[in-house]
Amino acid sequence: MNRSSFTKIAQNCSEFDPKADMFKNSPDASGPTCLNCKHFKHNMCNKNLIDPIKARLDK
């Protein structure tokens, strides 16, 4: 999945929780994306929300 997809998913995720201070001095400061969410670890969402949100957006 590409960064654009992760951004769209994060923008539509009710559980998005940004990592501390991500908007200050981070290369990910461009806005919400799964890549800078506290729930995103080891290249996956530990709340298992990516696939359901992606499916809803793909409709």
PDB file of N, CA and C in Angstrom:
ATOM      1  N   MET A   1       0.842  -1.166   0.000  1.00  0.00           N
ATOM      2  CA  MET A   1       0.000   0.000   0.000  1.00  0.00           C
ATOM      3  C   MET A   1       0.896   1.240   0.000  1.00  0.00           C
ATOM      4  N   ASN A   2       0.462   2.282  -0.678  1.00  0.00           N
ATOM      5  CA  ASN A   2       1.282   3.486  -0.765  1.00  0.00           C
ATOM      6  C   ASN A   2       0.868   4.530   0.273  1.00  0.00           C
ATOM      7  N   ARG A   3       1.661   5.570   0.387  1.00  0.00           N
ATOM      8  CA  ARG A   3       1.428   6.613   1.390  1.00  0.00           C
ATOM      9  C   ARG A   3       0.067   7.286   1.195  1.00  0.00           C
ATOM     10  N   SER A   4      -0.324   7.489  -0.033  1.00  0.00           N
ATOM     11  CA  SER A   4      -1.611   8.112  -0.318  1.00  0.00           C
ATOM     12  C   SER A   4      -2.768   7.275   0.258  1.00  0.00           C
ATOM     13  N   SER A   5      -2.682   5.969   0.118  1.00  0.00           N
ATOM     14  CA  SER A   5      -3.713   5.082   0.673  1.00  0.00           C
ATOM     15  C   SER A   5      -3.738   5.166   2.194  1.00  0.00           C
ATOM     16  N   PHE A   6      -2.550   5.160   2.815  1.00  0.00           N
ATOM     17  CA  PHE A   6      -2.478   5.263   4.272  1.00  0.00           C
ATOM     18  C   PHE A   6      -3.058   6.597   4.756  1.00  0.00           C
ATOM     19  N   THR A   7      -2.855   7.651   3.974  1.00  0.00           N
ATOM     20  CA  THR A   7      -3.392   8.964   4.341  1.00  0.00           C
ATOM     21  C   THR A   7      -4.913   8.960   4.281  1.00  0.00           C
ATOM     22  N   LYS A   8      -5.479   8.425   3.203  1.00  0.00           N
ATOM     23  CA  LYS A   8      -6.936   8.361   3.067  1.00  0.00           C
ATOM     24  C   LYS A   8      -7.560   7.527   4.177  1.00  0.00           C
ATOM     25  N   ILE A   9      -6.925   6.428   4.513  1.00  0.00           N
ATOM     26  CA  ILE A   9      -7.436   5.566   5.579  1.00  0.00           C
ATOM     27  C   ILE A   9      -7.388   6.297   6.913  1.00  0.00           C
ATOM     28  N   ALA A  10      -6.272   6.941   7.228  1.00  0.00           N
ATOM     29  CA  ALA A  10      -6.139   7.662   8.499  1.00  0.00           C
ATOM     30  C   ALA A  10      -7.161   8.785   8.613  1.00  0.00           C
ATOM     31  N   GLN A  11      -7.433   9.468   7.512  1.00  0.00           N
ATOM     32  CA  GLN A  11      -8.400  10.556   7.516  1.00  0.00           C
ATOM     33  C   GLN A  11      -9.818  10.050   7.773  1.00  0.00           C
ATOM     34  N   ASN A  12     -10.054   8.777   7.538  1.00  0.00           N
ATOM     35  CA  ASN A  12     -11.379   8.188   7.725  1.00  0.00           C
ATOM     36  C   ASN A  12     -11.435   7.223   8.905  1.00  0.00           C
ATOM     37  N   CYS A  13     -10.422   7.264   9.754  1.00  0.00           N
ATOM     38  CA  CYS A  13     -10.340   6.342  10.881  1.00  0.00           C
ATOM     39  C   CYS A  13     -10.707   7.040  12.182  1.00  0.00           C
ATOM     40  N   SER A  14     -11.696   6.520  12.873  1.00  0.00           N
ATOM     41  CA  SER A  14     -12.129   7.104  14.146  1.00  0.00           C
ATOM     42  C   SER A  14     -11.133   6.820  15.265  1.00  0.00           C
ATOM     43  N   GLU A  15     -10.224   5.880  15.051  1.00  0.00           N
ATOM     44  CA  GLU A  15      -9.247   5.501  16.066  1.00  0.00           C
ATOM     45  C   GLU A  15      -7.862   6.106  15.821  1.00  0.00           C
ATOM     46  N   PHE A  16      -7.737   6.969  14.804  1.00  0.00           N
ATOM     47  CA  PHE A  16      -6.437   7.569  14.516  1.00  0.00           C
ATOM     48  C   PHE A  16      -5.937   8.317  15.743  1.00  0.00           C
ATOM     49  N   ASP A  17      -4.725   7.996  16.162  1.00  0.00           N
ATOM     50  CA  ASP A  17      -4.115   8.595  17.349  1.00  0.00           C
ATOM     51  C   ASP A  17      -2.667   8.932  16.995  1.00  0.00           C
ATOM     52  N   PRO A  18      -2.378  10.209  16.716  1.00  0.00           N
ATOM     53  CA  PRO A  18      -1.032  10.566  16.268  1.00  0.00           C
ATOM     54  C   PRO A  18       0.036  10.297  17.323  1.00  0.00           C
ATOM     55  N   LYS A  19       1.186   9.930  16.844  1.00  0.00           N
ATOM     56  CA  LYS A  19       2.334   9.758  17.742  1.00  0.00           C
ATOM     57  C   LYS A  19       2.665  11.119  18.350  1.00  0.00           C
ATOM     58  N   ALA A  20       3.190  11.134  19.542  1.00  0.00           N
ATOM     59  CA  ALA A  20       3.494  12.371  20.251  1.00  0.00           C
ATOM     60  C   ALA A  20       4.368  13.303  19.428  1.00  0.00           C
ATOM     61  N   ASP A  21       3.979  14.547  19.380  1.00  0.00           N
ATOM     62  CA  ASP A  21       4.755  15.601  18.715  1.00  0.00           C
ATOM     63  C   ASP A  21       5.013  15.355  17.236  1.00  0.00           C
ATOM     64  N   MET A  22       4.174  14.552  16.589  1.00  0.00           N
ATOM     65  CA  MET A  22       4.438  14.238  15.186  1.00  0.00           C
ATOM     66  C   MET A  22       4.347  15.453  14.279  1.00  0.00           C
ATOM     67  N   PHE A  23       3.602  16.464  14.669  1.00  0.00           N
ATOM     68  CA  PHE A  23       3.431  17.615  13.791  1.00  0.00           C
ATOM     69  C   PHE A  23       4.495  18.688  13.996  1.00  0.00           C
ATOM     70  N   LYS A  24       5.442  18.468  14.896  1.00  0.00           N
ATOM     71  CA  LYS A  24       6.455  19.492  15.164  1.00  0.00           C
ATOM     72  C   LYS A  24       7.672  19.371  14.251  1.00  0.00           C
ATOM     73  N   ASN A  25       8.475  18.351  14.409  1.00  0.00           N
ATOM     74  CA  ASN A  25       9.732  18.240  13.665  1.00  0.00           C
ATOM     75  C   ASN A  25       9.869  16.909  12.959  1.00  0.00           C
ATOM     76  N   SER A  26       8.791  16.404  12.434  1.00  0.00           N
ATOM     77  CA  SER A  26       8.807  15.076  11.839  1.00  0.00           C
ATOM     78  C   SER A  26       8.685  15.148  10.325  1.00  0.00           C
ATOM     79  N   PRO A  27       9.327  14.219   9.611  1.00  0.00           N
ATOM     80  CA  PRO A  27       9.121  14.165   8.165  1.00  0.00           C
ATOM     81  C   PRO A  27       7.688  13.768   7.808  1.00  0.00           C
ATOM     82  N   ASP A  28       6.960  13.192   8.779  1.00  0.00           N
ATOM     83  CA  ASP A  28       5.567  12.804   8.547  1.00  0.00           C
ATOM     84  C   ASP A  28       4.597  13.927   8.921  1.00  0.00           C
ATOM     85  N   ALA A  29       5.084  15.132   9.068  1.00  0.00           N
ATOM     86  CA  ALA A  29       4.266  16.243   9.545  1.00  0.00           C
ATOM     87  C   ALA A  29       3.267  16.738   8.506  1.00  0.00           C
ATOM     88  N   SER A  30       3.161  16.090   7.384  1.00  0.00           N
ATOM     89  CA  SER A  30       2.261  16.530   6.328  1.00  0.00           C
ATOM     90  C   SER A  30       0.797  16.271   6.649  1.00  0.00           C
ATOM     91  N   GLY A  31       0.493  15.564   7.707  1.00  0.00           N
ATOM     92  CA  GLY A  31      -0.879  15.298   8.084  1.00  0.00           C
ATOM     93  C   GLY A  31      -1.066  13.870   8.523  1.00  0.00           C
ATOM     94  N   PRO A  32      -2.310  13.518   8.835  1.00  0.00           N
ATOM     95  CA  PRO A  32      -2.555  12.164   9.340  1.00  0.00           C
ATOM     96  C   PRO A  32      -2.301  11.097   8.287  1.00  0.00           C
ATOM     97  N   THR A  33      -1.661  10.057   8.707  1.00  0.00           N
ATOM     98  CA  THR A  33      -1.441   8.872   7.882  1.00  0.00           C
ATOM     99  C   THR A  33      -1.236   7.709   8.849  1.00  0.00           C
ATOM    100  N   CYS A  34      -1.576   6.531   8.424  1.00  0.00           N
ATOM    101  CA  CYS A  34      -1.377   5.357   9.284  1.00  0.00           C
ATOM    102  C   CYS A  34       0.074   5.274   9.759  1.00  0.00           C
ATOM    103  N   LEU A  35       0.989   5.758   8.936  1.00  0.00           N
ATOM    104  CA  LEU A  35       2.407   5.666   9.248  1.00  0.00           C
ATOM    105  C   LEU A  35       2.802   6.460  10.488  1.00  0.00           C
ATOM    106  N   ASN A  36       1.991   7.456  10.879  1.00  0.00           N
ATOM    107  CA  ASN A  36       2.311   8.210  12.080  1.00  0.00           C
ATOM    108  C   ASN A  36       1.244   8.062  13.169  1.00  0.00           C
ATOM    109  N   CYS A  37       0.552   6.932  13.146  1.00  0.00           N
ATOM    110  CA  CYS A  37      -0.462   6.617  14.157  1.00  0.00           C
ATOM    111  C   CYS A  37       0.136   5.685  15.210  1.00  0.00           C
ATOM    112  N   LYS A  38      -0.241   5.906  16.459  1.00  0.00           N
ATOM    113  CA  LYS A  38       0.252   5.057  17.550  1.00  0.00           C
ATOM    114  C   LYS A  38      -0.136   3.595  17.376  1.00  0.00           C
ATOM    115  N   HIS A  39      -1.222   3.333  16.667  1.00  0.00           N
ATOM    116  CA  HIS A  39      -1.716   1.963  16.500  1.00  0.00           C
ATOM    117  C   HIS A  39      -1.044   1.211  15.357  1.00  0.00           C
ATOM    118  N   PHE A  40      -0.214   1.898  14.581  1.00  0.00           N
ATOM    119  CA  PHE A  40       0.444   1.288  13.432  1.00  0.00           C
ATOM    120  C   PHE A  40       1.838   0.835  13.835  1.00  0.00           C
ATOM    121  N   LYS A  41       2.022  -0.480  13.932  1.00  0.00           N
ATOM    122  CA  LYS A  41       3.309  -1.048  14.332  1.00  0.00           C
ATOM    123  C   LYS A  41       3.617  -2.249  13.452  1.00  0.00           C
ATOM    124  N   HIS A  42       4.884  -2.394  13.118  1.00  0.00           N
ATOM    125  CA  HIS A  42       5.335  -3.524  12.298  1.00  0.00           C
ATOM    126  C   HIS A  42       4.554  -3.610  10.984  1.00  0.00           C
ATOM    127  N   ASN A  43       4.307  -2.443  10.397  1.00  0.00           N
ATOM    128  CA  ASN A  43       3.620  -2.321   9.115  1.00  0.00           C
ATOM    129  C   ASN A  43       2.189  -2.830   9.125  1.00  0.00           C
ATOM    130  N   MET A  44       1.546  -2.747  10.283  1.00  0.00           N
ATOM    131  CA  MET A  44       0.126  -3.121  10.361  1.00  0.00           C
ATOM    132  C   MET A  44      -0.560  -2.379  11.498  1.00  0.00           C
ATOM    133  N   CYS A  45      -1.864  -2.274  11.397  1.00  0.00           N
ATOM    134  CA  CYS A  45      -2.680  -1.624  12.416  1.00  0.00           C
ATOM    135  C   CYS A  45      -2.993  -2.644  13.506  1.00  0.00           C
ATOM    136  N   ASN A  46      -2.627  -2.327  14.748  1.00  0.00           N
ATOM    137  CA  ASN A  46      -2.889  -3.295  15.813  1.00  0.00           C
ATOM    138  C   ASN A  46      -4.355  -3.310  16.242  1.00  0.00           C
ATOM    139  N   LYS A  47      -5.184  -2.478  15.616  1.00  0.00           N
ATOM    140  CA  LYS A  47      -6.628  -2.522  15.846  1.00  0.00           C
ATOM    141  C   LYS A  47      -7.357  -3.162  14.663  1.00  0.00           C
ATOM    142  N   ASN A  48      -6.581  -3.604  13.677  1.00  0.00           N
ATOM    143  CA  ASN A  48      -7.127  -4.264  12.481  1.00  0.00           C
ATOM    144  C   ASN A  48      -8.186  -3.430  11.763  1.00  0.00           C
ATOM    145  N   LEU A  49      -7.896  -2.157  11.582  1.00  0.00           N
ATOM    146  CA  LEU A  49      -8.867  -1.266  10.960  1.00  0.00           C
ATOM    147  C   LEU A  49      -8.565  -0.915   9.508  1.00  0.00           C
ATOM    148  N   ILE A  50      -7.374  -1.198   9.044  1.00  0.00           N
ATOM    149  CA  ILE A  50      -7.005  -0.787   7.691  1.00  0.00           C
ATOM    150  C   ILE A  50      -7.881  -1.456   6.630  1.00  0.00           C
ATOM    151  N   ASP A  51      -8.001  -2.761   6.677  1.00  0.00           N
ATOM    152  CA  ASP A  51      -8.782  -3.465   5.647  1.00  0.00           C
ATOM    153  C   ASP A  51     -10.255  -3.049   5.633  1.00  0.00           C
ATOM    154  N   PRO A  52     -10.942  -2.974   6.781  1.00  0.00           N
ATOM    155  CA  PRO A  52     -12.346  -2.541   6.730  1.00  0.00           C
ATOM    156  C   PRO A  52     -12.518  -1.113   6.205  1.00  0.00           C
ATOM    157  N   ILE A  53     -11.637  -0.203   6.600  1.00  0.00           N
ATOM    158  CA  ILE A  53     -11.738   1.174   6.122  1.00  0.00           C
ATOM    159  C   ILE A  53     -11.432   1.233   4.634  1.00  0.00           C
ATOM    160  N   LYS A  54     -10.399   0.518   4.192  1.00  0.00           N
ATOM    161  CA  LYS A  54     -10.050   0.498   2.771  1.00  0.00           C
ATOM    162  C   LYS A  54     -11.206  -0.071   1.946  1.00  0.00           C
ATOM    163  N   ALA A  55     -11.836  -1.132   2.426  1.00  0.00           N
ATOM    164  CA  ALA A  55     -12.971  -1.719   1.709  1.00  0.00           C
ATOM    165  C   ALA A  55     -14.122  -0.723   1.598  1.00  0.00           C
ATOM    166  N   ARG A  56     -14.381   0.013   2.667  1.00  0.00           N
ATOM    167  CA  ARG A  56     -15.447   1.004   2.651  1.00  0.00           C
ATOM    168  C   ARG A  56     -15.124   2.128   1.669  1.00  0.00           C
ATOM    169  N   LEU A  57     -13.874   2.552   1.615  1.00  0.00           N
ATOM    170  CA  LEU A  57     -13.468   3.633   0.704  1.00  0.00           C
ATOM    171  C   LEU A  57     -13.472   3.177  -0.761  1.00  0.00           C
ATOM    172  N   ASP A  58     -13.224   1.899  -0.990  1.00  0.00           N
ATOM    173  CA  ASP A  58     -13.179   1.373  -2.354  1.00  0.00           C
ATOM    174  C   ASP A  58     -14.557   1.188  -2.981  1.00  0.00           C
ATOM    175  N   LYS A  59     -15.602   1.310  -2.191  1.00  0.00           N
ATOM    176  CA  LYS A  59     -16.968   1.101  -2.722  1.00  0.00           C
ATOM    177  C   LYS A  59     -17.387   2.243  -3.617  1.00  0.00           C
TER     178      LYS A  59
END
